Amino acid sequence: MVKRSFKIINESGIHARPATTLVNTAIEFKSNITLTALKREVDFKSIMGVMSLGIYSGVIIEIKAEGEDEMDAINTLSDKIVSLGLGKEI
């Protein structure tokens, strides 16, 4: 299992459009991937789960991946979060 934490810096937080991009990216991997924020954990491959967290600017999130392609998954999702201007790794 690998995990990384980020502080959300985007003023709008993780809203529908970037959430969809992140979920679609997560779906590409075989590993189990979870997103934790605001004391709740959801499947990162579920758009409803991610949107239900209501992640806003300043929130700390944690991504966990476990499986055969966990490193690729965590690296790709981390790069996507940074490149979309959503958050910075802490």
N, C-alpha and C. Protein backbone atom coordinates (compact mmCIF):
# COMPACT_ATOMS: atom_id res chain seq x y z
N MET A 1 0.84 -1.18 0.00
CA MET A 1 0.00 0.00 0.00
C MET A 1 0.88 1.24 0.00
N VAL A 2 0.50 2.20 -0.81
CA VAL A 2 1.18 3.50 -0.86
C VAL A 2 0.13 4.59 -0.67
N LYS A 3 0.58 5.70 -0.08
CA LYS A 3 -0.36 6.80 0.12
C LYS A 3 0.35 8.13 0.02
N ARG A 4 -0.41 9.14 -0.33
CA ARG A 4 0.10 10.51 -0.40
C ARG A 4 -0.97 11.46 0.08
N SER A 5 -0.52 12.57 0.65
CA SER A 5 -1.45 13.58 1.16
C SER A 5 -1.25 14.89 0.41
N PHE A 6 -2.34 15.62 0.27
CA PHE A 6 -2.33 16.90 -0.44
C PHE A 6 -3.20 17.90 0.31
N LYS A 7 -2.82 19.16 0.18
CA LYS A 7 -3.67 20.25 0.66
C LYS A 7 -4.33 20.84 -0.58
N ILE A 8 -5.65 20.93 -0.56
CA ILE A 8 -6.38 21.48 -1.70
C ILE A 8 -6.21 22.99 -1.72
N ILE A 9 -5.72 23.50 -2.85
CA ILE A 9 -5.43 24.93 -2.98
C ILE A 9 -6.35 25.63 -3.98
N ASN A 10 -7.09 24.87 -4.78
CA ASN A 10 -8.01 25.46 -5.74
C ASN A 10 -9.16 26.12 -4.98
N GLU A 11 -9.49 27.36 -5.35
CA GLU A 11 -10.55 28.10 -4.66
C GLU A 11 -11.88 27.37 -4.67
N SER A 12 -12.14 26.61 -5.72
CA SER A 12 -13.41 25.88 -5.85
C SER A 12 -13.34 24.48 -5.27
N GLY A 13 -12.20 24.10 -4.73
CA GLY A 13 -12.05 22.75 -4.20
C GLY A 13 -12.05 21.73 -5.32
N ILE A 14 -12.51 20.53 -5.02
CA ILE A 14 -12.63 19.50 -6.06
C ILE A 14 -14.09 19.45 -6.47
N HIS A 15 -14.41 20.20 -7.51
CA HIS A 15 -15.79 20.27 -8.01
C HIS A 15 -15.98 19.25 -9.13
N ALA A 16 -17.12 19.26 -9.77
CA ALA A 16 -17.54 18.19 -10.70
C ALA A 16 -16.54 17.90 -11.82
N ARG A 17 -16.09 18.90 -12.52
CA ARG A 17 -15.23 18.65 -13.68
C ARG A 17 -13.91 18.00 -13.29
N PRO A 18 -13.13 18.56 -12.34
CA PRO A 18 -11.89 17.88 -11.98
C PRO A 18 -12.13 16.54 -11.28
N ALA A 19 -13.22 16.43 -10.55
CA ALA A 19 -13.53 15.16 -9.89
C ALA A 19 -13.73 14.07 -10.94
N THR A 20 -14.42 14.41 -12.01
CA THR A 20 -14.63 13.45 -13.10
C THR A 20 -13.31 13.05 -13.74
N THR A 21 -12.43 14.01 -13.95
CA THR A 21 -11.12 13.72 -14.52
C THR A 21 -10.33 12.78 -13.62
N LEU A 22 -10.35 13.05 -12.31
CA LEU A 22 -9.61 12.20 -11.37
C LEU A 22 -10.19 10.79 -11.29
N VAL A 23 -11.50 10.69 -11.25
CA VAL A 23 -12.16 9.38 -11.18
C VAL A 23 -11.85 8.58 -12.45
N ASN A 24 -11.95 9.23 -13.61
CA ASN A 24 -11.64 8.55 -14.86
C ASN A 24 -10.19 8.08 -14.91
N THR A 25 -9.30 8.83 -14.31
CA THR A 25 -7.91 8.41 -14.22
C THR A 25 -7.77 7.21 -13.30
N ALA A 26 -8.43 7.25 -12.15
CA ALA A 26 -8.35 6.15 -11.17
C ALA A 26 -8.89 4.85 -11.76
N ILE A 27 -9.93 4.95 -12.57
CA ILE A 27 -10.56 3.76 -13.16
C ILE A 27 -9.59 2.99 -14.05
N GLU A 28 -8.58 3.65 -14.58
CA GLU A 28 -7.63 3.01 -15.48
C GLU A 28 -6.74 1.98 -14.78
N PHE A 29 -6.72 1.99 -13.45
CA PHE A 29 -5.81 1.12 -12.70
C PHE A 29 -6.55 -0.05 -12.05
N LYS A 30 -5.83 -1.15 -11.88
CA LYS A 30 -6.40 -2.35 -11.26
C LYS A 30 -6.43 -2.25 -9.74
N SER A 31 -5.54 -1.47 -9.17
CA SER A 31 -5.43 -1.34 -7.72
C SER A 31 -6.70 -0.77 -7.10
N ASN A 32 -6.91 -1.10 -5.84
CA ASN A 32 -7.96 -0.45 -5.06
C ASN A 32 -7.43 0.92 -4.66
N ILE A 33 -8.20 1.96 -4.94
CA ILE A 33 -7.76 3.33 -4.65
C ILE A 33 -8.84 4.01 -3.83
N THR A 34 -8.44 4.59 -2.71
CA THR A 34 -9.39 5.30 -1.86
C THR A 34 -8.96 6.75 -1.69
N LEU A 35 -9.94 7.58 -1.43
CA LEU A 35 -9.73 9.00 -1.16
C LEU A 35 -10.32 9.29 0.21
N THR A 36 -9.51 9.86 1.08
CA THR A 36 -9.95 10.21 2.42
C THR A 36 -9.90 11.73 2.59
N ALA A 37 -11.00 12.28 3.10
CA ALA A 37 -11.08 13.71 3.38
C ALA A 37 -12.19 13.94 4.39
N LEU A 38 -12.00 14.91 5.25
CA LEU A 38 -13.03 15.30 6.21
C LEU A 38 -13.54 14.10 7.01
N LYS A 39 -12.60 13.25 7.42
CA LYS A 39 -12.86 12.08 8.27
C LYS A 39 -13.72 11.02 7.59
N ARG A 40 -13.77 11.03 6.26
CA ARG A 40 -14.53 10.02 5.53
C ARG A 40 -13.66 9.45 4.42
N GLU A 41 -13.89 8.18 4.10
CA GLU A 41 -13.12 7.51 3.05
C GLU A 41 -14.09 6.97 2.00
N VAL A 42 -13.74 7.21 0.73
CA VAL A 42 -14.58 6.72 -0.38
C VAL A 42 -13.70 6.05 -1.43
N ASP A 43 -14.35 5.26 -2.27
CA ASP A 43 -13.70 4.64 -3.42
C ASP A 43 -13.40 5.75 -4.43
N PHE A 44 -12.13 5.88 -4.80
CA PHE A 44 -11.74 6.94 -5.73
C PHE A 44 -12.23 6.67 -7.15
N LYS A 45 -12.78 5.50 -7.39
CA LYS A 45 -13.31 5.17 -8.70
C LYS A 45 -14.81 5.46 -8.79
N SER A 46 -15.36 6.08 -7.77
CA SER A 46 -16.79 6.40 -7.72
C SER A 46 -17.00 7.92 -7.74
N ILE A 47 -17.57 8.44 -8.81
CA ILE A 47 -17.80 9.88 -8.89
C ILE A 47 -18.76 10.33 -7.80
N MET A 48 -19.76 9.53 -7.51
CA MET A 48 -20.71 9.90 -6.44
C MET A 48 -19.99 9.94 -5.09
N GLY A 49 -19.10 8.99 -4.86
CA GLY A 49 -18.34 8.98 -3.61
C GLY A 49 -17.47 10.21 -3.46
N VAL A 50 -16.73 10.53 -4.51
CA VAL A 50 -15.83 11.68 -4.47
C VAL A 50 -16.62 12.97 -4.29
N MET A 51 -17.70 13.13 -5.03
CA MET A 51 -18.50 14.35 -4.92
C MET A 51 -19.19 14.46 -3.56
N SER A 52 -19.51 13.32 -2.95
CA SER A 52 -20.20 13.35 -1.66
C SER A 52 -19.32 13.91 -0.54
N LEU A 53 -18.01 13.93 -0.75
CA LEU A 53 -17.10 14.45 0.27
C LEU A 53 -17.19 15.97 0.40
N GLY A 54 -17.56 16.64 -0.67
CA GLY A 54 -17.66 18.10 -0.63
C GLY A 54 -16.33 18.76 -0.30
N ILE A 55 -15.29 18.39 -1.01
CA ILE A 55 -13.93 18.87 -0.71
C ILE A 55 -13.78 20.32 -1.16
N TYR A 56 -13.44 21.18 -0.22
CA TYR A 56 -13.28 22.61 -0.49
C TYR A 56 -11.82 23.02 -0.27
N SER A 57 -11.50 24.24 -0.62
CA SER A 57 -10.14 24.76 -0.50
C SER A 57 -9.67 24.70 0.95
N GLY A 58 -8.44 24.25 1.14
CA GLY A 58 -7.85 24.16 2.47
C GLY A 58 -7.95 22.78 3.10
N VAL A 59 -8.77 21.90 2.51
CA VAL A 59 -8.94 20.55 3.05
C VAL A 59 -7.71 19.69 2.74
N ILE A 60 -7.33 18.86 3.69
CA ILE A 60 -6.25 17.89 3.48
C ILE A 60 -6.90 16.58 3.01
N ILE A 61 -6.39 16.06 1.90
CA ILE A 61 -6.89 14.78 1.39
C ILE A 61 -5.76 13.75 1.41
N GLU A 62 -6.13 12.48 1.46
CA GLU A 62 -5.14 11.41 1.38
C GLU A 62 -5.61 10.40 0.34
N ILE A 63 -4.70 10.02 -0.53
CA ILE A 63 -4.98 9.00 -1.54
C ILE A 63 -4.21 7.75 -1.15
N LYS A 64 -4.89 6.60 -1.15
CA LYS A 64 -4.24 5.31 -0.88
C LYS A 64 -4.49 4.38 -2.05
N ALA A 65 -3.44 3.68 -2.45
CA ALA A 65 -3.58 2.69 -3.52
C ALA A 65 -2.96 1.39 -3.05
N GLU A 66 -3.65 0.30 -3.35
CA GLU A 66 -3.16 -1.02 -2.95
C GLU A 66 -3.46 -2.00 -4.07
N GLY A 67 -2.40 -2.61 -4.60
CA GLY A 67 -2.56 -3.57 -5.67
C GLY A 67 -1.34 -3.63 -6.56
N GLU A 68 -1.47 -4.36 -7.64
CA GLU A 68 -0.33 -4.64 -8.50
C GLU A 68 0.25 -3.40 -9.19
N ASP A 69 -0.56 -2.40 -9.44
CA ASP A 69 -0.06 -1.19 -10.10
C ASP A 69 -0.18 0.05 -9.20
N GLU A 70 -0.03 -0.17 -7.89
CA GLU A 70 -0.24 0.91 -6.91
C GLU A 70 0.68 2.10 -7.11
N MET A 71 1.96 1.86 -7.44
CA MET A 71 2.89 2.99 -7.61
C MET A 71 2.52 3.82 -8.83
N ASP A 72 2.19 3.15 -9.93
CA ASP A 72 1.76 3.89 -11.12
C ASP A 72 0.50 4.69 -10.83
N ALA A 73 -0.44 4.08 -10.12
CA ALA A 73 -1.69 4.76 -9.79
C ALA A 73 -1.45 6.00 -8.95
N ILE A 74 -0.68 5.85 -7.89
CA ILE A 74 -0.46 6.99 -6.97
C ILE A 74 0.33 8.10 -7.66
N ASN A 75 1.31 7.72 -8.48
CA ASN A 75 2.10 8.73 -9.20
C ASN A 75 1.26 9.47 -10.23
N THR A 76 0.45 8.75 -10.98
CA THR A 76 -0.39 9.37 -12.01
C THR A 76 -1.43 10.29 -11.38
N LEU A 77 -2.10 9.82 -10.33
CA LEU A 77 -3.10 10.66 -9.67
C LEU A 77 -2.47 11.88 -9.01
N SER A 78 -1.30 11.71 -8.42
CA SER A 78 -0.60 12.84 -7.80
C SER A 78 -0.26 13.89 -8.85
N ASP A 79 0.29 13.43 -9.98
CA ASP A 79 0.62 14.36 -11.07
C ASP A 79 -0.62 15.09 -11.57
N LYS A 80 -1.74 14.37 -11.65
CA LYS A 80 -2.99 14.96 -12.14
C LYS A 80 -3.50 16.03 -11.17
N ILE A 81 -3.45 15.76 -9.88
CA ILE A 81 -3.89 16.74 -8.87
C ILE A 81 -3.08 18.02 -8.98
N VAL A 82 -1.77 17.88 -9.13
CA VAL A 82 -0.89 19.05 -9.22
C VAL A 82 -1.09 19.77 -10.56
N SER A 83 -1.13 19.02 -11.66
CA SER A 83 -1.24 19.66 -12.98
C SER A 83 -2.58 20.38 -13.17
N LEU A 84 -3.63 19.89 -12.52
CA LEU A 84 -4.93 20.56 -12.61
C LEU A 84 -5.02 21.77 -11.67
N GLY A 85 -3.98 21.98 -10.88
CA GLY A 85 -3.98 23.10 -9.93
C GLY A 85 -4.92 22.91 -8.76
N LEU A 86 -5.21 21.64 -8.44
CA LEU A 86 -6.13 21.36 -7.35
C LEU A 86 -5.46 21.38 -5.99
N GLY A 87 -4.23 20.87 -5.92
CA GLY A 87 -3.59 20.78 -4.62
C GLY A 87 -2.09 20.67 -4.72
N LYS A 88 -1.47 20.73 -3.55
CA LYS A 88 -0.01 20.55 -3.48
C LYS A 88 0.27 19.46 -2.45
N GLU A 89 1.28 18.64 -2.76
CA GLU A 89 1.61 17.53 -1.89
C GLU A 89 2.20 18.05 -0.58
N ILE A 90 1.81 17.38 0.51
CA ILE A 90 2.36 17.77 1.82
C ILE A 90 3.06 16.57 2.44
